[in-house]
Protein backbone atom coordinates (compact mmCIF):
# COMPACT_ATOMS: atom_id res chain seq x y z
CA UNK A 1 8.09 -3.92 44.62
CA UNK A 2 7.99 -5.31 41.07
CA UNK A 3 10.47 -4.38 38.32
CA UNK A 4 7.79 -2.36 36.51
CA UNK A 5 6.95 -0.40 39.66
CA UNK A 6 10.62 0.38 40.24
CA UNK A 7 11.01 1.57 36.63
CA UNK A 8 7.96 3.83 36.95
CA UNK A 9 9.22 5.25 40.24
CA UNK A 10 12.63 5.88 38.73
CA UNK A 11 11.14 7.62 35.67
CA UNK A 12 8.96 9.86 37.85
CA UNK A 13 11.87 10.66 40.15
CA UNK A 14 14.09 11.62 37.21
CA UNK A 15 11.40 13.73 35.55
CA UNK A 16 10.67 15.68 38.76
CA UNK A 17 14.25 16.21 39.95
CA UNK A 18 15.80 19.70 39.80
CA UNK A 19 19.61 19.37 39.70
CA UNK A 20 21.59 22.32 41.03
CA UNK A 21 25.16 21.58 39.98
CA UNK A 22 26.96 20.45 36.84
CA UNK A 23 27.85 17.13 38.48
CA UNK A 24 24.29 16.46 39.56
CA UNK A 25 23.06 17.49 36.10
CA UNK A 26 25.28 14.84 34.48
CA UNK A 27 24.18 12.27 37.04
CA UNK A 28 20.54 13.14 36.43
CA UNK A 29 21.02 12.92 32.66
CA UNK A 30 22.64 9.52 33.04
CA UNK A 31 19.79 8.36 35.26
CA UNK A 32 17.25 9.62 32.73
CA UNK A 33 19.01 7.74 29.91
CA UNK A 34 18.61 4.54 31.93
CA UNK A 35 14.91 5.18 32.54
CA UNK A 36 12.24 3.26 30.59
CA UNK A 37 10.94 6.43 28.91
CA UNK A 38 14.32 7.45 27.45
CA UNK A 39 14.10 5.35 24.21
CA UNK A 40 10.59 6.71 23.55
CA UNK A 41 11.73 10.33 23.74
CA UNK A 42 15.03 9.71 21.95
CA UNK A 43 13.17 8.26 18.96
CA UNK A 44 10.83 11.26 18.96
CA UNK A 45 13.66 13.80 19.28
CA UNK A 46 15.83 12.28 16.54
CA UNK A 47 13.02 11.85 14.03
CA UNK A 48 11.44 15.26 14.73
CA UNK A 49 14.85 16.89 14.22
CA UNK A 50 15.49 15.02 10.97
CA UNK A 51 12.05 15.89 9.59
CA UNK A 52 12.51 19.56 10.54
CA UNK A 53 15.93 19.70 8.86
CA UNK A 54 14.42 17.95 5.85
CA UNK A 55 11.63 20.51 5.47
CA UNK A 56 14.05 23.43 5.65
CA UNK A 57 16.49 21.87 3.20
CA UNK A 58 13.78 20.74 0.76
CA UNK A 59 12.62 24.35 0.68
CA UNK A 60 16.15 25.58 0.05
CA UNK A 61 17.08 22.91 -2.51
CA UNK A 62 13.87 23.05 -4.57
CA UNK A 63 13.10 26.79 -4.87
CA UNK A 64 15.15 27.45 -8.00
CA UNK A 65 13.96 24.51 -10.07
CA UNK A 66 10.37 24.85 -8.85
CA UNK A 67 10.28 28.51 -9.84
CA UNK A 68 11.73 27.71 -13.26
CA UNK A 69 9.22 24.89 -13.81
CA UNK A 70 6.03 26.30 -12.29
CA UNK A 71 6.64 29.91 -11.32
CA UNK A 72 6.04 29.02 -7.67
CA UNK A 73 9.15 28.59 -5.52
CA UNK A 74 7.22 26.97 -2.67
CA UNK A 75 5.28 24.28 -4.54
CA UNK A 76 7.43 21.29 -3.62
CA UNK A 77 7.92 22.53 -0.06
CA UNK A 78 4.17 22.89 0.52
CA UNK A 79 3.64 19.44 -0.96
CA UNK A 80 6.26 18.01 1.40
CA UNK A 81 4.61 19.83 4.31
CA UNK A 82 1.27 18.26 3.38
CA UNK A 83 2.78 14.78 3.23
CA UNK A 84 4.48 15.36 6.58
CA UNK A 85 1.14 16.34 8.12
CA UNK A 86 -0.49 13.17 6.79
CA UNK A 87 2.44 11.11 8.04
CA UNK A 88 2.31 12.65 11.53
CA UNK A 89 -1.39 11.80 11.86
CA UNK A 90 -0.75 8.21 10.73
CA UNK A 91 2.26 7.98 13.05
CA UNK A 92 0.11 9.05 16.00
CA UNK A 93 -2.54 6.46 15.14
CA UNK A 94 0.13 3.77 14.71
CA UNK A 95 1.77 4.68 18.02
CA UNK A 96 -1.51 4.05 19.83
CA UNK A 97 -2.11 0.60 18.34
CA UNK A 98 -1.52 -2.20 20.86
CA UNK A 99 0.75 -5.07 19.92
CA UNK A 100 -2.22 -7.40 19.49
CA UNK A 101 -3.56 -5.19 16.71
CA UNK A 102 -0.23 -5.08 14.92
CA UNK A 103 -0.20 -8.88 14.88
CA UNK A 104 -3.73 -8.95 13.48
CA UNK A 105 -2.66 -6.62 10.67
CA UNK A 106 0.34 -8.75 9.68
CA UNK A 107 -1.22 -11.01 7.02
CA UNK A 108 -3.74 -8.46 5.61
CA UNK A 109 -0.95 -5.89 5.44
CA UNK A 110 1.36 -8.19 3.48
CA UNK A 111 -1.42 -9.21 1.06
CA UNK A 112 -2.29 -5.55 0.50
CA UNK A 113 1.38 -4.68 -0.06
CA UNK A 114 1.76 -7.45 -2.65
CA UNK A 115 -1.43 -6.34 -4.40
CA UNK A 116 -0.31 -2.71 -4.57
CA UNK A 117 3.15 -3.67 -5.82
CA UNK A 118 1.61 -5.83 -8.53
CA UNK A 119 -0.35 -2.78 -9.75
CA UNK A 120 2.85 -1.19 -11.06
CA UNK A 121 2.60 -3.62 -13.98
CA UNK A 122 -1.00 -2.63 -14.71
CA UNK A 123 -2.10 0.42 -16.74
CA UNK A 124 -1.81 2.37 -13.47
CA UNK A 125 1.95 1.80 -13.42
CA UNK A 126 4.34 4.68 -14.11
CA UNK A 127 7.89 4.57 -15.50
CA UNK A 128 10.41 7.01 -14.05
CA UNK A 129 14.13 7.14 -14.84
CA UNK A 130 14.15 3.55 -16.04
CA UNK A 131 12.23 2.11 -13.07
CA UNK A 132 8.62 0.99 -12.98
CA UNK A 133 7.91 1.23 -9.28
CA UNK A 134 5.08 3.76 -9.06
CA UNK A 135 1.34 3.81 -9.62
CA UNK A 136 -0.78 6.82 -10.52
CA UNK A 137 -3.97 7.39 -8.54
CA UNK A 138 -6.05 10.53 -9.08
CA UNK A 139 -3.14 12.41 -10.62
CA UNK A 140 -0.84 11.56 -7.69
CA UNK A 141 1.96 9.00 -7.82
CA UNK A 142 2.39 6.37 -5.11
CA UNK A 143 5.37 4.09 -4.51
CA UNK A 144 3.94 0.85 -3.10
CA UNK A 145 7.35 -0.61 -2.22
CA UNK A 146 7.74 1.99 0.55
CA UNK A 147 4.65 0.66 2.34
CA UNK A 148 5.87 -2.88 1.65
CA UNK A 149 8.76 -2.23 4.05
CA UNK A 150 6.33 -1.73 6.95
CA UNK A 151 4.30 -4.77 5.88
CA UNK A 152 7.40 -7.00 5.73
CA UNK A 153 8.51 -5.87 9.20
CA UNK A 154 5.15 -6.52 10.88
CA UNK A 155 4.63 -9.83 9.07
CA UNK A 156 8.17 -11.01 9.83
CA UNK A 157 7.96 -10.03 13.50
CA UNK A 158 4.66 -11.90 13.88
CA UNK A 159 5.97 -15.09 12.26
CA UNK A 160 9.47 -15.17 13.75
CA UNK A 161 8.32 -14.31 17.29
CA UNK A 162 6.66 -17.71 17.49
CA UNK A 163 9.60 -19.65 16.01
CA UNK A 164 12.63 -18.60 18.00
CA UNK A 165 13.01 -22.10 19.45
CA UNK A 166 13.01 -23.77 16.02
CA UNK A 167 15.25 -21.35 14.08
CA UNK A 168 17.79 -24.13 13.58
CA UNK A 169 15.21 -25.93 11.38
CA UNK A 170 15.69 -24.02 8.16
CA UNK A 171 12.29 -24.87 6.69
CA UNK A 172 10.43 -23.38 9.63
CA UNK A 173 12.84 -20.44 9.81
CA UNK A 174 12.22 -19.19 6.28
CA UNK A 175 8.60 -20.29 5.70
CA UNK A 176 6.41 -18.30 5.25
CA UNK A 177 8.45 -15.18 6.08
CA UNK A 178 11.11 -15.42 3.37
CA UNK A 179 9.27 -17.83 1.09
CA UNK A 180 6.79 -16.78 -0.12
CA UNK A 181 6.47 -13.44 1.75
CA UNK A 182 9.69 -11.48 1.18
CA UNK A 183 10.47 -13.38 -2.03
CA UNK A 184 7.26 -12.20 -3.73
CA UNK A 185 7.73 -8.57 -2.68
CA UNK A 186 11.40 -8.47 -3.69
CA UNK A 187 10.65 -10.26 -6.95
CA UNK A 188 8.04 -7.67 -7.91
CA UNK A 189 10.36 -4.79 -6.96
CA UNK A 190 13.24 -6.27 -8.97
CA UNK A 191 10.90 -6.82 -11.92
CA UNK A 192 10.27 -3.07 -11.77
CA UNK A 193 14.09 -2.56 -11.96
CA UNK A 194 14.38 -0.89 -8.53
CA UNK A 195 17.45 -2.63 -7.13
CA UNK A 196 17.98 -0.08 -4.34
CA UNK A 197 14.62 -0.75 -2.69
CA UNK A 198 15.10 -4.51 -3.15
CA UNK A 199 18.42 -4.26 -1.27
CA UNK A 200 16.70 -2.44 1.61
CA UNK A 201 14.00 -5.14 1.81
CA UNK A 202 16.65 -7.86 1.86
CA UNK A 203 18.56 -6.00 4.57
CA UNK A 204 15.39 -5.79 6.69
CA UNK A 205 14.79 -9.53 6.33
CA UNK A 206 18.43 -10.32 7.14
CA UNK A 207 18.42 -8.13 10.24
CA UNK A 208 15.23 -9.68 11.56
CA UNK A 209 16.50 -13.22 10.98
CA UNK A 210 19.69 -12.34 12.86
CA UNK A 211 17.75 -11.02 15.86
CA UNK A 212 15.45 -14.06 15.72
CA UNK A 213 18.48 -16.31 16.19
CA UNK A 214 19.05 -17.87 12.77
CA UNK A 215 22.24 -20.01 13.03
CA UNK A 216 25.26 -18.26 11.56
CA UNK A 217 25.92 -21.02 9.03
CA UNK A 218 22.51 -20.44 7.43
CA UNK A 219 22.86 -16.70 7.84
CA UNK A 220 26.17 -16.76 5.94
CA UNK A 221 24.68 -18.93 3.21
CA UNK A 222 21.69 -16.66 2.65
CA UNK A 223 23.98 -13.61 2.77
CA UNK A 224 26.16 -15.10 0.05
CA UNK A 225 23.10 -15.94 -2.07
CA UNK A 226 21.74 -12.41 -1.65
CA UNK A 227 25.08 -10.84 -2.57
CA UNK A 228 25.33 -13.10 -5.62
CA UNK A 229 21.83 -12.10 -6.70
CA UNK A 230 22.61 -8.39 -6.39
CA UNK A 231 25.86 -8.87 -8.32
CA UNK A 232 24.02 -10.78 -11.08
CA UNK A 233 21.42 -8.03 -11.43
CA UNK A 234 24.14 -5.36 -11.52
CA UNK A 235 26.20 -7.19 -14.13
CA UNK A 236 23.18 -7.63 -16.39
CA UNK A 237 22.23 -3.95 -16.45
CA UNK A 238 24.14 -1.40 -18.53
CA UNK A 239 22.86 1.43 -16.34
CA UNK A 240 24.01 -0.22 -13.10
CA UNK A 241 27.39 -1.16 -14.56
CA UNK A 242 27.85 2.41 -15.70
CA UNK A 243 27.29 3.59 -12.14
CA UNK A 244 29.82 1.06 -10.86
CA UNK A 245 32.35 2.19 -13.48
CA UNK A 246 31.79 5.80 -12.42
CA UNK A 247 32.39 4.77 -8.81
CA UNK A 248 35.48 2.57 -9.26
CA UNK A 249 37.05 3.87 -12.46
CA UNK A 250 38.64 7.12 -13.53
CA UNK A 251 36.13 7.87 -16.27
CA UNK A 252 34.75 10.78 -14.23
CA UNK A 253 37.75 13.00 -14.86
CA UNK A 254 35.35 14.50 -17.40
CA UNK A 255 32.08 15.31 -15.54
CA UNK A 256 30.13 15.29 -18.81
CA UNK A 257 30.63 11.55 -19.25
CA UNK A 258 27.26 9.84 -18.84
CA UNK A 259 26.84 8.47 -15.32
CA UNK A 260 29.34 10.90 -13.78
CA UNK A 261 27.41 14.16 -13.67
CA UNK A 262 25.61 13.52 -10.37
CA UNK A 263 28.67 12.03 -8.68
CA UNK A 264 30.97 14.89 -9.63
CA UNK A 265 28.55 17.68 -8.79
CA UNK A 266 27.75 16.11 -5.41
CA UNK A 267 31.47 16.23 -4.68
CA UNK A 268 31.59 19.84 -5.89
CA UNK A 269 28.77 20.73 -3.49
CA UNK A 270 30.51 19.16 -0.51
CA UNK A 271 33.84 20.74 -1.47
CA UNK A 272 32.26 24.19 -1.86
CA UNK A 273 30.68 23.84 1.58
CA UNK A 274 34.02 23.21 3.22
CA UNK A 275 34.15 23.49 7.01
CA UNK A 276 31.34 25.96 7.67
CA UNK A 277 29.24 26.02 4.48
CA UNK A 278 28.28 28.83 2.14
CA UNK A 279 25.24 29.70 4.24
CA UNK A 280 21.55 28.68 4.30
CA UNK A 281 19.94 29.15 0.90
CA UNK A 282 23.23 30.07 -0.80
CA UNK A 283 23.88 26.77 -2.61
CA UNK A 284 25.20 27.13 -6.15
CA UNK A 285 24.75 23.48 -7.16
CA UNK A 286 20.96 23.68 -6.77
CA UNK A 287 20.87 26.08 -9.74
CA UNK A 288 20.18 23.20 -12.16
CA UNK A 289 23.69 21.79 -11.76
CA UNK A 290 23.18 18.89 -9.34
CA UNK A 291 20.32 16.58 -10.40
CA UNK A 292 17.80 15.64 -7.69
CA UNK A 293 19.15 18.16 -5.13
CA UNK A 294 16.00 17.91 -3.01
CA UNK A 295 15.70 14.14 -3.19
CA UNK A 296 18.49 11.54 -3.32
CA UNK A 297 21.25 14.17 -3.10
CA UNK A 298 19.85 16.46 -0.44
CA UNK A 299 22.81 15.64 1.83
CA UNK A 300 25.11 17.31 -0.72
CA UNK A 301 23.08 20.52 -0.41
CA UNK A 302 23.18 20.22 3.40
CA UNK A 303 26.95 19.89 3.22
CA UNK A 304 27.25 22.81 0.81
CA UNK A 305 25.05 25.21 2.77
CA UNK A 306 25.65 24.11 6.37
CA UNK A 307 29.17 22.71 6.03
CA UNK A 308 30.66 19.91 8.08
CA UNK A 309 28.64 20.73 11.25
CA UNK A 310 25.36 20.35 9.37
CA UNK A 311 26.42 17.05 7.82
CA UNK A 312 27.67 15.67 11.12
CA UNK A 313 24.44 16.75 12.83
CA UNK A 314 22.41 14.65 10.39
CA UNK A 315 24.70 11.65 10.95
CA UNK A 316 24.53 12.15 14.73
CA UNK A 317 20.71 12.15 14.63
CA UNK A 318 20.66 8.85 12.74
CA UNK A 319 23.11 7.46 15.31
CA UNK A 320 20.82 8.65 18.12
CA UNK A 321 17.90 6.96 16.38
CA UNK A 322 19.86 3.69 16.15
CA UNK A 323 20.83 3.92 19.82
CA UNK A 324 17.19 4.44 20.85
CA UNK A 325 16.16 1.38 18.80
CA UNK A 326 18.90 -0.68 20.43
CA UNK A 327 17.63 0.38 23.84
CA UNK A 328 14.11 -0.77 22.98
CA UNK A 329 15.45 -4.13 21.78
CA UNK A 330 17.60 -4.65 24.88
CA UNK A 331 14.91 -3.48 27.33
CA UNK A 332 11.97 -5.48 26.00
CA UNK A 333 11.18 -9.09 26.85
CA UNK A 334 8.58 -9.45 24.08
CA UNK A 335 10.07 -11.14 20.98
CA UNK A 336 7.60 -9.37 18.68
CA UNK A 337 8.72 -5.97 20.01
CA UNK A 338 12.38 -6.85 19.62
CA UNK A 339 11.95 -8.12 16.05
CA UNK A 340 9.73 -5.26 14.87
CA UNK A 341 12.11 -2.69 16.36
CA UNK A 342 15.09 -4.40 14.72
CA UNK A 343 13.29 -4.31 11.37
CA UNK A 344 12.61 -0.57 11.54
CA UNK A 345 16.15 0.14 12.76
CA UNK A 346 17.74 -1.81 9.89
CA UNK A 347 15.39 -0.15 7.38
CA UNK A 348 16.19 3.43 8.39
CA UNK A 349 19.88 2.98 9.18
CA UNK A 350 20.69 0.83 6.13
CA UNK A 351 18.86 3.21 3.80
CA UNK A 352 20.64 6.20 5.35
CA UNK A 353 24.01 4.46 4.92
CA UNK A 354 23.31 3.68 1.26
CA UNK A 355 22.25 7.27 0.59
CA UNK A 356 25.19 8.84 2.43
CA UNK A 357 27.63 6.42 0.79
CA UNK A 358 26.29 7.33 -2.65
CA UNK A 359 26.56 11.08 -2.01
CA UNK A 360 30.10 11.08 -0.62
CA UNK A 361 31.40 8.60 -3.22
CA UNK A 362 32.00 5.58 -0.98
CA UNK A 363 29.31 3.60 -2.84
CA UNK A 364 27.95 3.68 -6.38
CA UNK A 365 24.84 5.78 -6.87
CA UNK A 366 22.05 3.46 -5.74
CA UNK A 367 19.07 5.82 -5.86
CA UNK A 368 17.46 5.64 -2.43
CA UNK A 369 16.27 8.74 -0.53
CA UNK A 370 17.61 9.87 2.83
CA UNK A 371 14.91 8.80 5.35
CA UNK A 372 12.88 11.62 6.93
CA UNK A 373 14.97 14.24 5.08
CA UNK A 374 14.61 13.81 1.30
CA UNK A 375 11.51 14.98 -0.52
CA UNK A 376 9.02 12.34 -1.56
CA UNK A 377 5.52 11.84 -0.24
CA UNK A 378 5.28 8.05 -0.08
CA UNK A 379 8.76 7.67 1.40
CA UNK A 380 8.08 10.23 4.14
CA UNK A 381 4.64 8.88 5.01
CA UNK A 382 5.87 5.27 5.22
CA UNK A 383 8.88 6.30 7.33
CA UNK A 384 6.57 8.16 9.74
CA UNK A 385 4.33 5.08 9.95
CA UNK A 386 7.51 3.22 10.87
CA UNK A 387 8.05 5.86 13.56
CA UNK A 388 4.54 5.17 14.90
CA UNK A 389 5.33 1.45 14.99
CA UNK A 390 8.53 2.18 16.93
CA UNK A 391 6.72 4.38 19.45
CA UNK A 392 4.13 1.65 19.95
CA UNK A 393 6.95 -0.82 20.61
CA UNK A 394 8.68 1.65 22.97
CA UNK A 395 5.50 2.09 25.00
CA UNK A 396 5.43 -1.66 25.61
CA UNK A 397 8.83 -1.60 27.33
CA UNK A 398 8.26 -2.42 31.03
CA UNK A 399 7.53 0.79 32.91
CA UNK A 400 7.35 3.13 29.90
CA UNK A 401 3.60 3.33 29.33
CA UNK A 402 2.85 3.69 33.04
CA UNK A 403 5.48 6.43 33.37
CA UNK A 404 4.09 8.29 30.34
CA UNK A 405 0.55 8.11 31.73
CA UNK A 406 1.80 9.28 35.13
CA UNK A 407 3.29 12.49 33.72
CA UNK A 408 0.99 15.51 33.59
CA UNK A 409 0.28 16.80 30.12
CA UNK A 410 2.11 19.85 28.75
CA UNK A 411 -1.15 21.82 28.77
CA UNK A 412 -1.82 20.93 32.40
CA UNK A 413 1.72 21.90 33.45
CA UNK A 414 1.36 25.19 31.59
CA UNK A 415 -1.89 26.12 33.33
CA UNK A 416 -0.49 24.98 36.69
CA UNK A 417 2.24 27.62 36.36
CA UNK A 418 -0.28 30.46 35.88
CA UNK A 419 -1.28 32.52 38.91
CA UNK A 420 -4.60 31.63 40.44
CA UNK A 421 -7.07 34.49 40.50
CA UNK A 422 -8.92 34.55 43.77
CA UNK A 423 -12.56 35.54 43.76
CA UNK A 424 -13.53 38.51 45.88
CA UNK A 425 -15.75 37.70 48.76
């Protein structure tokens, strides 16, 4: 019996078993976690839970300001629901794309991403809070750099998968993935003054190079160059230095000092929430006190309303997502699958860490949303496309696709449980 056949048999056995005791339940759960379908479902469960929490908390965090601005408390929530629906459809389509198609989309996707990012400097570009990283199409704003993350991952996985034996030759290792690919995208994003997104793109590239096997000496050199570049950009921006001063200094003893208002009121929200929270919908900071309560600082509202359990639940779901990605990487023998999965994992986890660190005061305010949770149409749609890419990679793990096809559908299982009406003779 081949390895794939054994994996399929194991997955079917686990899915059909009916444990009777606590000990057998734990054994069955452990067996299921080792099955080839486990990463697929763990990714789905973690992301579906995060998106659901995000919808509820966007509704709670945005009602006051939306009513004051438009007279409709549900406007932003309905908009987020619409974007989620679009993202789910695109995620389903992406999850059904075979690996060969993802590789074919690598170069066209990167070219399209560069073209869209360049449009922010055209008359279609939109300035927002000092950044020029959006374009306006038909009255709707679009953030091209969010889609660039997916394009960089697919392009990098396609290039690096074929060069794992020559990663010690630095020219072949970085061309054309880093230069010109990532360099052009990051350069355009930095030109639009969005350092947070540029840091995420650099983190994605660094994670993929690490998984591809770039020698540590080169990895350390590029890491030092990237850190120096970020430091240079921070030191040459009054706004960024003000955020660093608010993070490291004691200037925020007065919350009204410019650059401190968000930081202090995020801490107020978490402190008010305490152990068990003030209750769903009962946040006080969302009453025009905490800026961006439904976007970059939605975790502060979660902590205020749902307390420590709600905050830890969000962190646990991101940890579960990371574990599922690690399982896909360790279970697959296809270098493209391993690299693409690593790229998505670094993207989501690094962005979540930057957001959480900004909210709780461990990092300066960087201005990146919490993936799957914060409001924002482009960010949610691109993250759900990343989910579709992950599910496509998970299906390619030996034994997973065959096990999924071997399971009866939910509808079929439901009808099988109904009593059969016998015809009268």
